[in-house]
């Protein structure tokens, strides 16, 4: 899968990463203690499972990434 967008933001002592994949409308989210190299335009292999999060009173679907590797 090819990454279209990769955003990193700090939350307490974790860095939350959100990636969007080409032809997929759902965000993929994972956490790390350190910043990650930019994955913009890279091809990656993912292991993930579906989850949902409540934002501003409505439920939004997202994928929780368990394992990510550059292909």
N, C-alpha and C. Protein backbone atom coordinates (compact mmCIF):
# COMPACT_ATOMS: atom_id res chain seq x y z
N UNK A 1 0.84 -1.18 0.00
CA UNK A 1 0.00 0.00 0.00
C UNK A 1 0.89 1.24 0.00
N UNK A 2 0.44 2.28 -0.68
CA UNK A 2 1.24 3.50 -0.77
C UNK A 2 0.65 4.57 0.13
N UNK A 3 1.52 5.25 0.87
CA UNK A 3 1.12 6.29 1.82
C UNK A 3 0.93 7.61 1.07
N UNK A 4 -0.24 8.23 1.25
CA UNK A 4 -0.49 9.55 0.67
C UNK A 4 -0.13 10.66 1.64
N UNK A 5 -0.39 10.45 2.92
CA UNK A 5 -0.17 11.49 3.92
C UNK A 5 0.28 10.86 5.22
N UNK A 6 1.25 11.51 5.90
CA UNK A 6 1.74 11.03 7.19
C UNK A 6 1.88 12.24 8.13
N UNK A 7 1.13 12.21 9.25
CA UNK A 7 1.15 13.31 10.21
C UNK A 7 1.60 12.76 11.56
N UNK A 8 2.50 13.50 12.25
CA UNK A 8 2.98 13.13 13.56
C UNK A 8 2.65 14.25 14.53
N UNK A 9 2.07 13.90 15.70
CA UNK A 9 1.77 14.92 16.69
C UNK A 9 2.04 14.36 18.08
N UNK A 10 2.46 15.23 18.98
CA UNK A 10 2.80 14.83 20.35
C UNK A 10 1.55 14.80 21.21
N UNK A 11 1.48 13.80 22.08
CA UNK A 11 0.41 13.68 23.06
C UNK A 11 1.04 13.09 24.32
N UNK A 12 1.22 13.93 25.34
CA UNK A 12 1.95 13.55 26.56
C UNK A 12 3.36 13.13 26.16
N UNK A 13 3.77 11.91 26.51
CA UNK A 13 5.12 11.47 26.15
C UNK A 13 5.11 10.52 24.95
N UNK A 14 3.99 10.44 24.22
CA UNK A 14 3.85 9.61 23.03
C UNK A 14 3.78 10.49 21.79
N UNK A 15 4.18 9.95 20.67
CA UNK A 15 4.00 10.58 19.36
C UNK A 15 2.93 9.77 18.64
N UNK A 16 1.83 10.41 18.26
CA UNK A 16 0.73 9.74 17.56
C UNK A 16 0.90 9.98 16.07
N UNK A 17 0.93 8.90 15.31
CA UNK A 17 1.12 8.96 13.87
C UNK A 17 -0.19 8.61 13.19
N UNK A 18 -0.57 9.39 12.20
CA UNK A 18 -1.76 9.12 11.40
C UNK A 18 -1.33 9.08 9.94
N UNK A 19 -1.66 7.99 9.27
CA UNK A 19 -1.33 7.89 7.85
C UNK A 19 -2.61 7.62 7.06
N UNK A 20 -2.63 8.16 5.86
CA UNK A 20 -3.72 7.92 4.91
C UNK A 20 -3.10 7.18 3.74
N UNK A 21 -3.77 6.11 3.32
CA UNK A 21 -3.28 5.29 2.21
C UNK A 21 -4.03 5.61 0.93
N UNK A 22 -3.37 5.37 -0.18
CA UNK A 22 -3.97 5.63 -1.49
C UNK A 22 -5.20 4.74 -1.68
N UNK A 23 -6.29 5.33 -2.15
CA UNK A 23 -7.57 4.64 -2.42
C UNK A 23 -8.26 4.09 -1.18
N UNK A 24 -7.89 4.57 0.02
CA UNK A 24 -8.54 4.17 1.27
C UNK A 24 -8.97 5.44 1.99
N UNK A 25 -10.24 5.51 2.44
CA UNK A 25 -10.78 6.72 3.06
C UNK A 25 -10.71 6.71 4.58
N UNK A 26 -10.12 5.70 5.18
CA UNK A 26 -10.07 5.58 6.64
C UNK A 26 -8.64 5.84 7.11
N UNK A 27 -8.45 6.65 8.18
CA UNK A 27 -7.10 6.90 8.70
C UNK A 27 -6.55 5.68 9.45
N UNK A 28 -5.25 5.48 9.37
CA UNK A 28 -4.55 4.43 10.08
C UNK A 28 -3.71 5.11 11.16
N UNK A 29 -3.84 4.66 12.41
CA UNK A 29 -3.23 5.35 13.55
C UNK A 29 -2.34 4.39 14.34
N UNK A 30 -1.17 4.90 14.76
CA UNK A 30 -0.31 4.14 15.67
C UNK A 30 0.47 5.11 16.54
N UNK A 31 0.99 4.60 17.69
CA UNK A 31 1.75 5.41 18.63
C UNK A 31 3.17 4.87 18.76
N UNK A 32 4.10 5.80 18.98
CA UNK A 32 5.50 5.44 19.26
C UNK A 32 6.04 6.43 20.27
N UNK A 33 7.11 6.07 20.95
CA UNK A 33 7.75 6.97 21.90
C UNK A 33 8.59 8.03 21.18
N UNK A 34 9.12 7.69 20.00
CA UNK A 34 9.97 8.61 19.24
C UNK A 34 9.30 8.96 17.92
N UNK A 35 9.77 10.06 17.31
CA UNK A 35 9.30 10.43 15.98
C UNK A 35 9.77 9.39 14.98
N UNK A 36 9.02 9.23 13.90
CA UNK A 36 9.31 8.25 12.86
C UNK A 36 9.72 9.00 11.60
N UNK A 37 10.51 8.37 10.76
CA UNK A 37 10.87 9.00 9.50
C UNK A 37 9.61 9.22 8.68
N UNK A 38 9.62 10.20 7.82
CA UNK A 38 8.43 10.50 7.02
C UNK A 38 8.12 9.34 6.08
N UNK A 39 6.86 8.95 6.06
CA UNK A 39 6.41 7.85 5.20
C UNK A 39 5.67 8.36 3.97
N UNK A 40 5.66 9.66 3.77
CA UNK A 40 4.96 10.27 2.63
C UNK A 40 5.48 9.67 1.32
N UNK A 41 4.60 9.05 0.54
CA UNK A 41 4.96 8.47 -0.75
C UNK A 41 5.58 7.09 -0.68
N UNK A 42 5.84 6.58 0.51
CA UNK A 42 6.48 5.27 0.66
C UNK A 42 5.46 4.14 0.53
N UNK A 43 5.95 2.98 0.18
CA UNK A 43 5.10 1.78 0.17
C UNK A 43 5.34 1.07 1.50
N UNK A 44 4.25 0.64 2.15
CA UNK A 44 4.35 0.01 3.47
C UNK A 44 3.51 -1.26 3.52
N UNK A 45 3.89 -2.15 4.42
CA UNK A 45 3.11 -3.33 4.76
C UNK A 45 2.56 -3.08 6.16
N UNK A 46 1.25 -3.30 6.34
CA UNK A 46 0.60 -3.01 7.62
C UNK A 46 -0.13 -4.23 8.15
N UNK A 47 -0.14 -4.34 9.46
CA UNK A 47 -1.04 -5.24 10.16
C UNK A 47 -1.89 -4.34 11.04
N UNK A 48 -3.21 -4.42 10.91
CA UNK A 48 -4.10 -3.49 11.60
C UNK A 48 -5.42 -4.15 11.93
N UNK A 49 -6.20 -3.50 12.77
CA UNK A 49 -7.56 -3.95 13.05
C UNK A 49 -8.46 -2.73 13.15
N UNK A 50 -9.75 -2.88 12.81
CA UNK A 50 -10.67 -1.73 12.83
C UNK A 50 -11.05 -1.34 14.25
N UNK A 51 -11.26 -0.06 14.46
CA UNK A 51 -11.75 0.46 15.73
C UNK A 51 -12.54 1.72 15.43
N UNK A 52 -13.12 2.29 16.46
CA UNK A 52 -13.86 3.54 16.26
C UNK A 52 -13.54 4.47 17.42
N UNK A 53 -13.68 5.76 17.18
CA UNK A 53 -13.39 6.78 18.18
C UNK A 53 -14.51 7.82 18.11
N UNK A 54 -14.90 8.33 19.28
CA UNK A 54 -15.94 9.36 19.33
C UNK A 54 -15.29 10.73 19.28
N UNK A 55 -15.67 11.53 18.27
CA UNK A 55 -15.13 12.88 18.10
C UNK A 55 -16.29 13.84 17.96
N UNK A 56 -16.36 14.80 18.87
CA UNK A 56 -17.39 15.85 18.83
C UNK A 56 -18.81 15.26 18.76
N UNK A 57 -19.02 14.17 19.48
CA UNK A 57 -20.36 13.62 19.56
C UNK A 57 -20.74 12.61 18.49
N UNK A 58 -19.88 12.35 17.53
CA UNK A 58 -20.20 11.32 16.54
C UNK A 58 -19.06 10.31 16.45
N UNK A 59 -19.38 9.12 16.02
CA UNK A 59 -18.41 8.03 15.95
C UNK A 59 -17.71 8.03 14.60
N UNK A 60 -16.38 7.91 14.64
CA UNK A 60 -15.58 7.91 13.43
C UNK A 60 -14.76 6.61 13.38
N UNK A 61 -14.73 5.99 12.23
CA UNK A 61 -13.98 4.76 12.07
C UNK A 61 -12.51 5.07 11.82
N UNK A 62 -11.62 4.25 12.40
CA UNK A 62 -10.19 4.35 12.14
C UNK A 62 -9.58 2.97 12.28
N UNK A 63 -8.40 2.79 11.74
CA UNK A 63 -7.70 1.51 11.82
C UNK A 63 -6.53 1.66 12.77
N UNK A 64 -6.42 0.77 13.74
CA UNK A 64 -5.30 0.76 14.69
C UNK A 64 -4.20 -0.12 14.12
N UNK A 65 -3.03 0.46 13.90
CA UNK A 65 -1.91 -0.27 13.31
C UNK A 65 -1.15 -1.01 14.42
N UNK A 66 -0.94 -2.30 14.21
CA UNK A 66 -0.21 -3.13 15.15
C UNK A 66 1.24 -3.27 14.70
N UNK A 67 1.45 -3.35 13.39
CA UNK A 67 2.79 -3.50 12.84
C UNK A 67 2.87 -2.75 11.53
N UNK A 68 3.96 -1.99 11.35
CA UNK A 68 4.18 -1.26 10.11
C UNK A 68 5.62 -1.46 9.68
N UNK A 69 5.81 -1.72 8.39
CA UNK A 69 7.15 -1.92 7.83
C UNK A 69 7.20 -1.32 6.44
N UNK A 70 8.29 -0.66 6.12
CA UNK A 70 8.48 -0.17 4.74
C UNK A 70 8.69 -1.34 3.82
N UNK A 71 8.06 -1.28 2.66
CA UNK A 71 8.19 -2.38 1.69
C UNK A 71 9.34 -2.11 0.74
